[in-house]
């Protein structure tokens, strides 16, 4: 691939964000099918469930930030997960508007069943790269994320 294609895009197919979106759309489709067909949750619900699995007891607003979703979408997804008995809400003492979120035992079980399958999909995609390419991709993604987050000039 010619590096100038990314630095001097001429058509939409040259844009970094569009290329990443296409990768997510095609590579993530298998995850979406798995979530929806086998577990009855959306990919957005899976994202929130996964984030709660590694950081339980977070405020709904914190979860929205970690998931890079607006509060309204987060609230709708959390409500769906609560209705499915995968997530529980606990109001904070002293401020009933604040809600801490945690996985239910059913939510934890779903996460533990689904996560290895998502890992396998991830590994299958990366199998087309050498270990050195995977390491370089990881480094590049970290660098791009830091720039996007405003942590690097």
C-alpha atoms as a PDB file:
ATOM      1  CA  UNK A   1       0.000   0.000   0.000  1.00  0.00           C
ATOM      2  CA  UNK A   2       1.284   3.430  -0.908  1.00  0.00           C
ATOM      3  CA  UNK A   3       1.577   5.577   2.262  1.00  0.00           C
ATOM      4  CA  UNK A   4       0.550   8.692   0.336  1.00  0.00           C
ATOM      5  CA  UNK A   5      -2.889   7.140  -0.108  1.00  0.00           C
ATOM      6  CA  UNK A   6      -3.515   7.761   3.600  1.00  0.00           C
ATOM      7  CA  UNK A   7      -1.716  11.087   3.873  1.00  0.00           C
ATOM      8  CA  UNK A   8      -3.090  12.495   0.623  1.00  0.00           C
ATOM      9  CA  UNK A   9      -6.487  10.856   0.091  1.00  0.00           C
ATOM     10  CA  UNK A  10      -8.132  11.422  -3.260  1.00  0.00           C
ATOM     11  CA  UNK A  11     -11.293   9.349  -2.830  1.00  0.00           C
ATOM     12  CA  UNK A  12     -13.308   8.075   0.117  1.00  0.00           C
ATOM     13  CA  UNK A  13     -11.587   4.664  -0.053  1.00  0.00           C
ATOM     14  CA  UNK A  14      -8.313   6.406   0.872  1.00  0.00           C
ATOM     15  CA  UNK A  15      -9.621   7.950   4.115  1.00  0.00           C
ATOM     16  CA  UNK A  16      -8.398   6.310   7.331  1.00  0.00           C
ATOM     17  CA  UNK A  17     -11.768   6.554   9.081  1.00  0.00           C
ATOM     18  CA  UNK A  18     -13.615   5.057   6.127  1.00  0.00           C
ATOM     19  CA  UNK A  19     -11.133   2.187   5.871  1.00  0.00           C
ATOM     20  CA  UNK A  20     -11.443   1.498   9.607  1.00  0.00           C
ATOM     21  CA  UNK A  21     -15.240   1.656   9.351  1.00  0.00           C
ATOM     22  CA  UNK A  22     -15.194  -0.865   6.472  1.00  0.00           C
ATOM     23  CA  UNK A  23     -12.978  -3.184   8.527  1.00  0.00           C
ATOM     24  CA  UNK A  24     -15.338  -2.910  11.485  1.00  0.00           C
ATOM     25  CA  UNK A  25     -18.399  -3.409   9.298  1.00  0.00           C
ATOM     26  CA  UNK A  26     -17.087  -6.534   7.594  1.00  0.00           C
ATOM     27  CA  UNK A  27     -15.038  -7.994  10.452  1.00  0.00           C
ATOM     28  CA  UNK A  28     -17.571  -7.074  13.109  1.00  0.00           C
ATOM     29  CA  UNK A  29     -20.500  -8.586  11.238  1.00  0.00           C
ATOM     30  CA  UNK A  30     -19.606 -12.025  12.563  1.00  0.00           C
ATOM     31  CA  UNK A  31     -19.587 -10.704  16.131  1.00  0.00           C
ATOM     32  CA  UNK A  32     -22.938  -9.015  15.556  1.00  0.00           C
ATOM     33  CA  UNK A  33     -24.474 -12.233  14.212  1.00  0.00           C
ATOM     34  CA  UNK A  34     -23.088 -14.190  17.152  1.00  0.00           C
ATOM     35  CA  UNK A  35     -24.429 -11.682  19.687  1.00  0.00           C
ATOM     36  CA  UNK A  36     -27.855 -11.363  18.119  1.00  0.00           C
ATOM     37  CA  UNK A  37     -28.470 -14.934  16.962  1.00  0.00           C
ATOM     38  CA  UNK A  38     -26.921 -16.890  19.832  1.00  0.00           C
ATOM     39  CA  UNK A  39     -27.282 -14.553  22.793  1.00  0.00           C
ATOM     40  CA  UNK A  40     -30.114 -12.142  21.979  1.00  0.00           C
ATOM     41  CA  UNK A  41     -28.103  -8.982  22.533  1.00  0.00           C
ATOM     42  CA  UNK A  42     -26.954  -6.230  20.200  1.00  0.00           C
ATOM     43  CA  UNK A  43     -23.319  -5.376  19.559  1.00  0.00           C
ATOM     44  CA  UNK A  44     -23.814  -2.164  21.554  1.00  0.00           C
ATOM     45  CA  UNK A  45     -25.211  -4.180  24.477  1.00  0.00           C
ATOM     46  CA  UNK A  46     -22.211  -6.514  24.152  1.00  0.00           C
ATOM     47  CA  UNK A  47     -19.846  -3.542  24.366  1.00  0.00           C
ATOM     48  CA  UNK A  48     -21.496  -2.290  27.559  1.00  0.00           C
ATOM     49  CA  UNK A  49     -21.646  -5.769  29.050  1.00  0.00           C
ATOM     50  CA  UNK A  50     -17.928  -6.255  28.323  1.00  0.00           C
ATOM     51  CA  UNK A  51     -16.998  -2.921  29.851  1.00  0.00           C
ATOM     52  CA  UNK A  52     -18.978  -3.768  32.976  1.00  0.00           C
ATOM     53  CA  UNK A  53     -17.238  -7.137  33.184  1.00  0.00           C
ATOM     54  CA  UNK A  54     -13.914  -5.365  33.738  1.00  0.00           C
ATOM     55  CA  UNK A  55     -15.221  -2.365  35.682  1.00  0.00           C
ATOM     56  CA  UNK A  56     -18.319  -3.132  37.684  1.00  0.00           C
ATOM     57  CA  UNK A  57     -19.982  -0.605  39.903  1.00  0.00           C
ATOM     58  CA  UNK A  58     -19.437   2.310  37.536  1.00  0.00           C
ATOM     59  CA  UNK A  59     -21.850   5.154  37.168  1.00  0.00           C
ATOM     60  CA  UNK A  60     -24.016   5.112  34.065  1.00  0.00           C
ATOM     61  CA  UNK A  61     -22.374   8.362  32.920  1.00  0.00           C
ATOM     62  CA  UNK A  62     -18.896   6.822  33.341  1.00  0.00           C
ATOM     63  CA  UNK A  63     -19.959   3.812  31.308  1.00  0.00           C
ATOM     64  CA  UNK A  64     -21.200   6.106  28.543  1.00  0.00           C
ATOM     65  CA  UNK A  65     -17.800   7.780  28.435  1.00  0.00           C
ATOM     66  CA  UNK A  66     -15.892   4.506  28.399  1.00  0.00           C
ATOM     67  CA  UNK A  67     -18.145   3.162  25.634  1.00  0.00           C
ATOM     68  CA  UNK A  68     -17.912   6.397  23.600  1.00  0.00           C
ATOM     69  CA  UNK A  69     -21.699   6.630  23.503  1.00  0.00           C
ATOM     70  CA  UNK A  70     -24.000   9.480  24.374  1.00  0.00           C
ATOM     71  CA  UNK A  71     -25.926   9.117  27.609  1.00  0.00           C
ATOM     72  CA  UNK A  72     -29.274   8.551  25.889  1.00  0.00           C
ATOM     73  CA  UNK A  73     -28.007   5.575  23.852  1.00  0.00           C
ATOM     74  CA  UNK A  74     -26.233   4.202  26.893  1.00  0.00           C
ATOM     75  CA  UNK A  75     -29.395   4.533  28.947  1.00  0.00           C
ATOM     76  CA  UNK A  76     -31.468   2.701  26.334  1.00  0.00           C
ATOM     77  CA  UNK A  77     -28.933  -0.115  26.062  1.00  0.00           C
ATOM     78  CA  UNK A  78     -28.632  -0.396  29.844  1.00  0.00           C
ATOM     79  CA  UNK A  79     -32.429  -0.532  30.102  1.00  0.00           C
ATOM     80  CA  UNK A  80     -32.488  -3.363  27.560  1.00  0.00           C
ATOM     81  CA  UNK A  81     -29.772  -5.219  29.468  1.00  0.00           C
ATOM     82  CA  UNK A  82     -31.675  -4.668  32.713  1.00  0.00           C
ATOM     83  CA  UNK A  83     -34.879  -5.983  31.124  1.00  0.00           C
ATOM     84  CA  UNK A  84     -32.912  -9.056  30.008  1.00  0.00           C
ATOM     85  CA  UNK A  85     -31.669  -9.445  33.607  1.00  0.00           C
ATOM     86  CA  UNK A  86     -28.042  -9.116  32.559  1.00  0.00           C
ATOM     87  CA  UNK A  87     -27.319  -5.827  34.346  1.00  0.00           C
ATOM     88  CA  UNK A  88     -28.547  -4.426  37.633  1.00  0.00           C
ATOM     89  CA  UNK A  89     -28.853  -0.806  38.671  1.00  0.00           C
ATOM     90  CA  UNK A  90     -28.170   0.405  42.172  1.00  0.00           C
ATOM     91  CA  UNK A  91     -29.051   3.977  43.128  1.00  0.00           C
ATOM     92  CA  UNK A  92     -26.319   5.842  44.968  1.00  0.00           C
ATOM     93  CA  UNK A  93     -26.984   6.896  48.519  1.00  0.00           C
ATOM     94  CA  UNK A  94     -27.640  10.589  48.778  1.00  0.00           C
ATOM     95  CA  UNK A  95     -28.313  11.074  45.055  1.00  0.00           C
ATOM     96  CA  UNK A  96     -31.043   8.929  43.520  1.00  0.00           C
ATOM     97  CA  UNK A  97     -30.176  10.351  40.075  1.00  0.00           C
ATOM     98  CA  UNK A  98     -26.809   8.573  40.171  1.00  0.00           C
ATOM     99  CA  UNK A  99     -26.921   4.870  39.306  1.00  0.00           C
ATOM    100  CA  UNK A 100     -24.138   2.325  39.675  1.00  0.00           C
ATOM    101  CA  UNK A 101     -24.216  -0.576  37.249  1.00  0.00           C
ATOM    102  CA  UNK A 102     -23.087  -4.168  37.711  1.00  0.00           C
ATOM    103  CA  UNK A 103     -23.522  -7.462  35.948  1.00  0.00           C
ATOM    104  CA  UNK A 104     -26.016  -9.935  37.309  1.00  0.00           C
ATOM    105  CA  UNK A 105     -24.894 -13.554  37.614  1.00  0.00           C
ATOM    106  CA  UNK A 106     -26.676 -14.167  34.271  1.00  0.00           C
ATOM    107  CA  UNK A 107     -24.798 -11.223  32.742  1.00  0.00           C
ATOM    108  CA  UNK A 108     -21.485 -12.561  34.032  1.00  0.00           C
ATOM    109  CA  UNK A 109     -22.289 -16.026  32.641  1.00  0.00           C
ATOM    110  CA  UNK A 110     -23.196 -14.578  29.230  1.00  0.00           C
ATOM    111  CA  UNK A 111     -19.960 -12.567  29.160  1.00  0.00           C
ATOM    112  CA  UNK A 112     -17.872 -15.608  30.113  1.00  0.00           C
ATOM    113  CA  UNK A 113     -19.536 -17.692  27.387  1.00  0.00           C
ATOM    114  CA  UNK A 114     -19.365 -15.057  24.652  1.00  0.00           C
ATOM    115  CA  UNK A 115     -15.963 -13.450  25.252  1.00  0.00           C
ATOM    116  CA  UNK A 116     -13.885 -16.486  24.177  1.00  0.00           C
ATOM    117  CA  UNK A 117     -15.898 -16.681  20.952  1.00  0.00           C
ATOM    118  CA  UNK A 118     -15.247 -13.008  20.203  1.00  0.00           C
ATOM    119  CA  UNK A 119     -11.560 -13.572  20.981  1.00  0.00           C
ATOM    120  CA  UNK A 120     -11.539 -16.417  18.431  1.00  0.00           C
ATOM    121  CA  UNK A 121     -13.051 -14.139  15.762  1.00  0.00           C
ATOM    122  CA  UNK A 122     -10.449 -11.491  16.604  1.00  0.00           C
ATOM    123  CA  UNK A 123      -7.622 -14.039  16.401  1.00  0.00           C
ATOM    124  CA  UNK A 124      -8.874 -15.394  13.075  1.00  0.00           C
ATOM    125  CA  UNK A 125      -8.729 -11.904  11.577  1.00  0.00           C
ATOM    126  CA  UNK A 126      -5.234 -11.307  12.931  1.00  0.00           C
ATOM    127  CA  UNK A 127      -4.032 -14.721  11.714  1.00  0.00           C
ATOM    128  CA  UNK A 128      -3.391 -13.139   8.313  1.00  0.00           C
ATOM    129  CA  UNK A 129      -0.578 -11.091   9.869  1.00  0.00           C
ATOM    130  CA  UNK A 130       2.840 -12.124  11.124  1.00  0.00           C
ATOM    131  CA  UNK A 131       3.581 -11.722  14.848  1.00  0.00           C
ATOM    132  CA  UNK A 132       5.763  -8.700  13.992  1.00  0.00           C
ATOM    133  CA  UNK A 133       2.924  -7.129  11.993  1.00  0.00           C
ATOM    134  CA  UNK A 134       0.496  -7.701  14.870  1.00  0.00           C
ATOM    135  CA  UNK A 135       2.922  -6.043  17.293  1.00  0.00           C
ATOM    136  CA  UNK A 136       3.400  -3.102  14.911  1.00  0.00           C
ATOM    137  CA  UNK A 137      -0.365  -2.767  14.376  1.00  0.00           C
ATOM    138  CA  UNK A 138      -0.871  -2.718  18.139  1.00  0.00           C
ATOM    139  CA  UNK A 139       1.734   0.027  18.489  1.00  0.00           C
ATOM    140  CA  UNK A 140       0.212   2.039  15.633  1.00  0.00           C
ATOM    141  CA  UNK A 141      -3.301   1.743  17.067  1.00  0.00           C
ATOM    142  CA  UNK A 142      -2.032   2.939  20.476  1.00  0.00           C
ATOM    143  CA  UNK A 143      -0.336   5.926  18.831  1.00  0.00           C
ATOM    144  CA  UNK A 144      -3.406   6.847  16.782  1.00  0.00           C
ATOM    145  CA  UNK A 145      -5.685   6.494  19.812  1.00  0.00           C
ATOM    146  CA  UNK A 146      -3.435   8.730  21.895  1.00  0.00           C
ATOM    147  CA  UNK A 147      -3.513  11.387  19.159  1.00  0.00           C
ATOM    148  CA  UNK A 148      -7.282  11.088  18.810  1.00  0.00           C
ATOM    149  CA  UNK A 149      -7.618  11.462  22.581  1.00  0.00           C
ATOM    150  CA  UNK A 150      -5.445  14.573  22.450  1.00  0.00           C
ATOM    151  CA  UNK A 151      -2.655  13.027  24.527  1.00  0.00           C
ATOM    152  CA  UNK A 152       0.052  13.592  21.940  1.00  0.00           C
ATOM    153  CA  UNK A 153       0.926  16.516  19.720  1.00  0.00           C
END
